[in-house]
Amino acid sequence: MSYRVSDTYDGIDQAMRLLRRSMKGMPQRYRYMKQYDDLRRAVAVLVILLEEATPWLEETDKAKQATTRARKMFAAVR
């Protein structure tokens, strides 16, 4: 599960870099700076929440794997 989270970080990072480069080349970008700043703040909150949730996601994935193994072992015993 952690590789999916790191892929998500990479995707968000690439998208934000692309947006920043696009904004630099945009004429009259000052019109959109408020929306850009709001988006940056929202993405920062998203990344922090994702970072906080990562251990829970990994634990859940490990629990699913253990349950699957237990079911297979139980089925073999029957």
C-alpha atoms as a PDB file:
ATOM      1  CA  MET A   1       0.000   0.000   0.000  1.00  0.00           C
ATOM      2  CA  SER A   2       2.834   2.425   0.746  1.00  0.00           C
ATOM      3  CA  TYR A   3       4.020   2.348  -2.871  1.00  0.00           C
ATOM      4  CA  ARG A   4       0.605   3.660  -3.908  1.00  0.00           C
ATOM      5  CA  VAL A   5       0.882   6.496  -1.416  1.00  0.00           C
ATOM      6  CA  SER A   6       4.353   7.429  -2.663  1.00  0.00           C
ATOM      7  CA  ASP A   7       3.059   7.311  -6.243  1.00  0.00           C
ATOM      8  CA  THR A   8       0.304   9.678  -5.179  1.00  0.00           C
ATOM      9  CA  TYR A   9       2.877  12.049  -3.649  1.00  0.00           C
ATOM     10  CA  ASP A  10       4.884  11.964  -6.861  1.00  0.00           C
ATOM     11  CA  GLY A  11       1.809  12.656  -8.981  1.00  0.00           C
ATOM     12  CA  ILE A  12       0.734  15.579  -6.810  1.00  0.00           C
ATOM     13  CA  ASP A  13       4.267  16.988  -6.843  1.00  0.00           C
ATOM     14  CA  GLN A  14       4.510  16.764 -10.627  1.00  0.00           C
ATOM     15  CA  ALA A  15       1.092  18.362 -11.088  1.00  0.00           C
ATOM     16  CA  MET A  16       1.923  21.257  -8.778  1.00  0.00           C
ATOM     17  CA  ARG A  17       5.275  21.841 -10.506  1.00  0.00           C
ATOM     18  CA  LEU A  18       3.540  21.889 -13.882  1.00  0.00           C
ATOM     19  CA  LEU A  19       0.945  24.331 -12.577  1.00  0.00           C
ATOM     20  CA  ARG A  20       3.651  26.596 -11.164  1.00  0.00           C
ATOM     21  CA  ARG A  21       5.525  26.609 -14.497  1.00  0.00           C
ATOM     22  CA  SER A  22       2.281  27.315 -16.323  1.00  0.00           C
ATOM     23  CA  MET A  23       1.472  30.214 -14.022  1.00  0.00           C
ATOM     24  CA  LYS A  24       4.915  31.760 -14.551  1.00  0.00           C
ATOM     25  CA  GLY A  25       4.405  31.879 -18.309  1.00  0.00           C
ATOM     26  CA  MET A  26       0.843  33.151 -18.141  1.00  0.00           C
ATOM     27  CA  PRO A  27       0.193  36.768 -19.084  1.00  0.00           C
ATOM     28  CA  GLN A  28      -1.929  38.624 -16.544  1.00  0.00           C
ATOM     29  CA  ARG A  29      -1.464  35.852 -14.004  1.00  0.00           C
ATOM     30  CA  TYR A  30      -2.239  38.231 -11.165  1.00  0.00           C
ATOM     31  CA  ARG A  31      -5.931  37.665 -11.963  1.00  0.00           C
ATOM     32  CA  TYR A  32      -5.627  34.027 -10.946  1.00  0.00           C
ATOM     33  CA  MET A  33      -3.236  34.298  -8.016  1.00  0.00           C
ATOM     34  CA  LYS A  34      -5.989  34.022  -5.371  1.00  0.00           C
ATOM     35  CA  GLN A  35      -7.283  30.776  -6.876  1.00  0.00           C
ATOM     36  CA  TYR A  36      -3.730  29.506  -7.278  1.00  0.00           C
ATOM     37  CA  ASP A  37      -2.912  30.255  -3.634  1.00  0.00           C
ATOM     38  CA  ASP A  38      -6.152  28.621  -2.477  1.00  0.00           C
ATOM     39  CA  LEU A  39      -5.350  25.523  -4.506  1.00  0.00           C
ATOM     40  CA  ARG A  40      -1.818  25.350  -3.105  1.00  0.00           C
ATOM     41  CA  ARG A  41      -3.157  25.523   0.448  1.00  0.00           C
ATOM     42  CA  ALA A  42      -5.769  22.847  -0.240  1.00  0.00           C
ATOM     43  CA  VAL A  43      -3.175  20.539  -1.812  1.00  0.00           C
ATOM     44  CA  ALA A  44      -0.842  21.087   1.143  1.00  0.00           C
ATOM     45  CA  VAL A  45      -3.632  20.045   3.522  1.00  0.00           C
ATOM     46  CA  LEU A  46      -4.361  17.019   1.345  1.00  0.00           C
ATOM     47  CA  VAL A  47      -0.715  15.932   1.399  1.00  0.00           C
ATOM     48  CA  ILE A  48      -0.540  16.313   5.183  1.00  0.00           C
ATOM     49  CA  LEU A  49      -3.732  14.307   5.669  1.00  0.00           C
ATOM     50  CA  LEU A  50      -2.473  11.645   3.296  1.00  0.00           C
ATOM     51  CA  GLU A  51       0.800  11.491   5.181  1.00  0.00           C
ATOM     52  CA  GLU A  52      -1.065  11.098   8.465  1.00  0.00           C
ATOM     53  CA  ALA A  53      -3.287   8.353   7.013  1.00  0.00           C
ATOM     54  CA  THR A  54      -0.436   6.335   5.491  1.00  0.00           C
ATOM     55  CA  PRO A  55       0.162   4.126   8.575  1.00  0.00           C
ATOM     56  CA  TRP A  56      -3.545   3.339   8.774  1.00  0.00           C
ATOM     57  CA  LEU A  57      -3.630   2.414   5.102  1.00  0.00           C
ATOM     58  CA  GLU A  58      -0.615   0.148   5.451  1.00  0.00           C
ATOM     59  CA  GLU A  59      -2.044  -1.492   8.562  1.00  0.00           C
ATOM     60  CA  THR A  60      -5.338  -2.143   6.816  1.00  0.00           C
ATOM     61  CA  ASP A  61      -3.547  -3.725   3.866  1.00  0.00           C
ATOM     62  CA  LYS A  62      -1.549  -5.970   6.195  1.00  0.00           C
ATOM     63  CA  ALA A  63      -4.742  -6.956   7.986  1.00  0.00           C
ATOM     64  CA  LYS A  64      -6.365  -7.901   4.670  1.00  0.00           C
ATOM     65  CA  GLN A  65      -3.367 -10.022   3.730  1.00  0.00           C
ATOM     66  CA  ALA A  66      -3.428 -11.797   7.087  1.00  0.00           C
ATOM     67  CA  THR A  67      -7.155 -12.454   6.747  1.00  0.00           C
ATOM     68  CA  THR A  68      -6.662 -13.883   3.270  1.00  0.00           C
ATOM     69  CA  ARG A  69      -3.881 -16.165   4.511  1.00  0.00           C
ATOM     70  CA  ALA A  70      -6.005 -17.288   7.454  1.00  0.00           C
ATOM     71  CA  ARG A  71      -8.929 -18.106   5.155  1.00  0.00           C
ATOM     72  CA  LYS A  72      -6.686 -20.176   2.891  1.00  0.00           C
ATOM     73  CA  MET A  73      -5.254 -22.074   5.832  1.00  0.00           C
ATOM     74  CA  PHE A  74      -8.703 -22.678   7.296  1.00  0.00           C
ATOM     75  CA  ALA A  75      -9.990 -23.914   3.940  1.00  0.00           C
ATOM     76  CA  ALA A  76      -7.038 -26.317   3.655  1.00  0.00           C
ATOM     77  CA  VAL A  77      -7.814 -27.808   7.071  1.00  0.00           C
ATOM     78  CA  ARG A  78     -11.460 -28.535   6.233  1.00  0.00           C
END
